[in-house]
Amino acid sequence: MANAIKTDTNSTNGGNDAVFLTVNEVCKLLRITRPTLRRWTDYDLLEAYKFGGKVLYCRKEVVDSVYLTSTKNKSYKRKP
């Protein structure tokens, strides 16, 4: 899955890293539910940004995070 996302990112938007995605777009990209995305954000697997009342995710960070976590085996703890 990580390789497919990595390839998709390189071909989209000319490699521009300043692309932000909504919660629904991230869920669709990663094929996960909203509660899973929230949990991953709580566990600091993904970083969310708030702009004008909206929660957004940087596409490059999402792709990099998924790629890194898929290549490492470690346990995650919820942030305090």
Protein backbone atom coordinates (compact mmCIF):
# COMPACT_ATOMS: atom_id res chain seq x y z
CA MET A 1 0.00 0.00 0.00
CA ALA A 2 2.78 2.43 0.88
CA ASN A 3 4.43 1.97 -2.51
CA ALA A 4 1.18 2.70 -4.34
CA ILE A 5 0.67 5.88 -2.34
CA LYS A 6 4.30 6.94 -2.86
CA THR A 7 3.94 6.49 -6.63
CA ASP A 8 0.64 8.38 -6.68
CA THR A 9 2.18 11.32 -4.83
CA ASN A 10 5.09 11.67 -7.23
CA SER A 11 2.77 11.92 -10.21
CA THR A 12 0.25 14.29 -8.63
CA ASN A 13 0.69 18.07 -8.59
CA GLY A 14 4.22 17.97 -9.99
CA GLY A 15 5.72 16.90 -6.65
CA ASN A 16 4.56 20.05 -4.82
CA ASP A 17 4.88 19.41 -1.07
CA ALA A 18 2.53 22.22 0.02
CA VAL A 19 -0.66 20.25 -0.67
CA PHE A 20 -3.09 19.92 2.23
CA LEU A 21 -5.80 17.30 2.46
CA THR A 22 -9.06 17.27 4.38
CA VAL A 23 -9.96 14.50 6.81
CA ASN A 24 -12.15 12.83 4.17
CA GLU A 25 -9.41 13.03 1.53
CA VAL A 26 -6.85 11.43 3.87
CA CYS A 27 -9.30 8.67 4.77
CA LYS A 28 -9.97 7.98 1.11
CA LEU A 29 -6.25 8.05 0.22
CA LEU A 30 -5.29 5.65 3.02
CA ARG A 31 -8.51 3.62 2.86
CA ILE A 32 -9.18 4.07 6.56
CA THR A 33 -12.11 5.31 8.64
CA ARG A 34 -12.37 8.69 10.36
CA PRO A 35 -11.96 7.11 13.84
CA THR A 36 -8.77 5.39 12.67
CA LEU A 37 -7.41 8.68 11.34
CA ARG A 38 -8.24 10.36 14.66
CA ARG A 39 -6.49 7.57 16.57
CA TRP A 40 -3.40 7.81 14.36
CA THR A 41 -3.38 11.57 14.97
CA ASP A 42 -3.72 11.02 18.75
CA TYR A 43 -0.81 8.55 18.63
CA ASP A 44 1.30 11.14 16.76
CA LEU A 45 1.54 8.97 13.66
CA LEU A 46 0.13 11.87 11.64
CA GLU A 47 0.19 15.58 12.35
CA ALA A 48 -2.99 17.59 11.90
CA TYR A 49 -3.12 21.33 11.26
CA LYS A 50 -6.07 23.60 12.00
CA PHE A 51 -6.82 26.35 9.50
CA GLY A 52 -9.92 28.47 10.01
CA GLY A 53 -11.75 25.76 11.92
CA LYS A 54 -10.81 23.00 9.46
CA VAL A 55 -8.47 20.11 10.23
CA LEU A 56 -6.01 19.50 7.41
CA TYR A 57 -3.09 17.17 6.82
CA CYS A 58 -0.01 17.81 4.70
CA ARG A 59 -0.05 15.24 1.90
CA LYS A 60 3.73 14.72 1.96
CA GLU A 61 3.69 14.10 5.72
CA VAL A 62 0.83 11.62 5.37
CA VAL A 63 2.62 9.67 2.65
CA ASP A 64 5.98 9.77 4.45
CA SER A 65 4.40 8.68 7.74
CA VAL A 66 2.61 5.74 6.16
CA TYR A 67 5.79 4.70 4.36
CA LEU A 68 7.91 4.94 7.53
CA THR A 69 5.46 3.13 9.78
CA SER A 70 4.99 0.34 7.24
CA THR A 71 8.75 -0.31 7.22
CA LYS A 72 9.24 -0.29 11.02
CA ASN A 73 7.85 -2.54 13.72
CA LYS A 74 7.23 -0.56 16.89
CA SER A 75 4.48 -0.04 19.42
CA TYR A 76 2.64 3.25 19.74
CA LYS A 77 1.39 5.00 22.83
CA ARG A 78 -1.20 7.71 23.03
CA LYS A 79 0.24 11.15 23.79
CA PRO A 80 -0.53 12.46 27.28
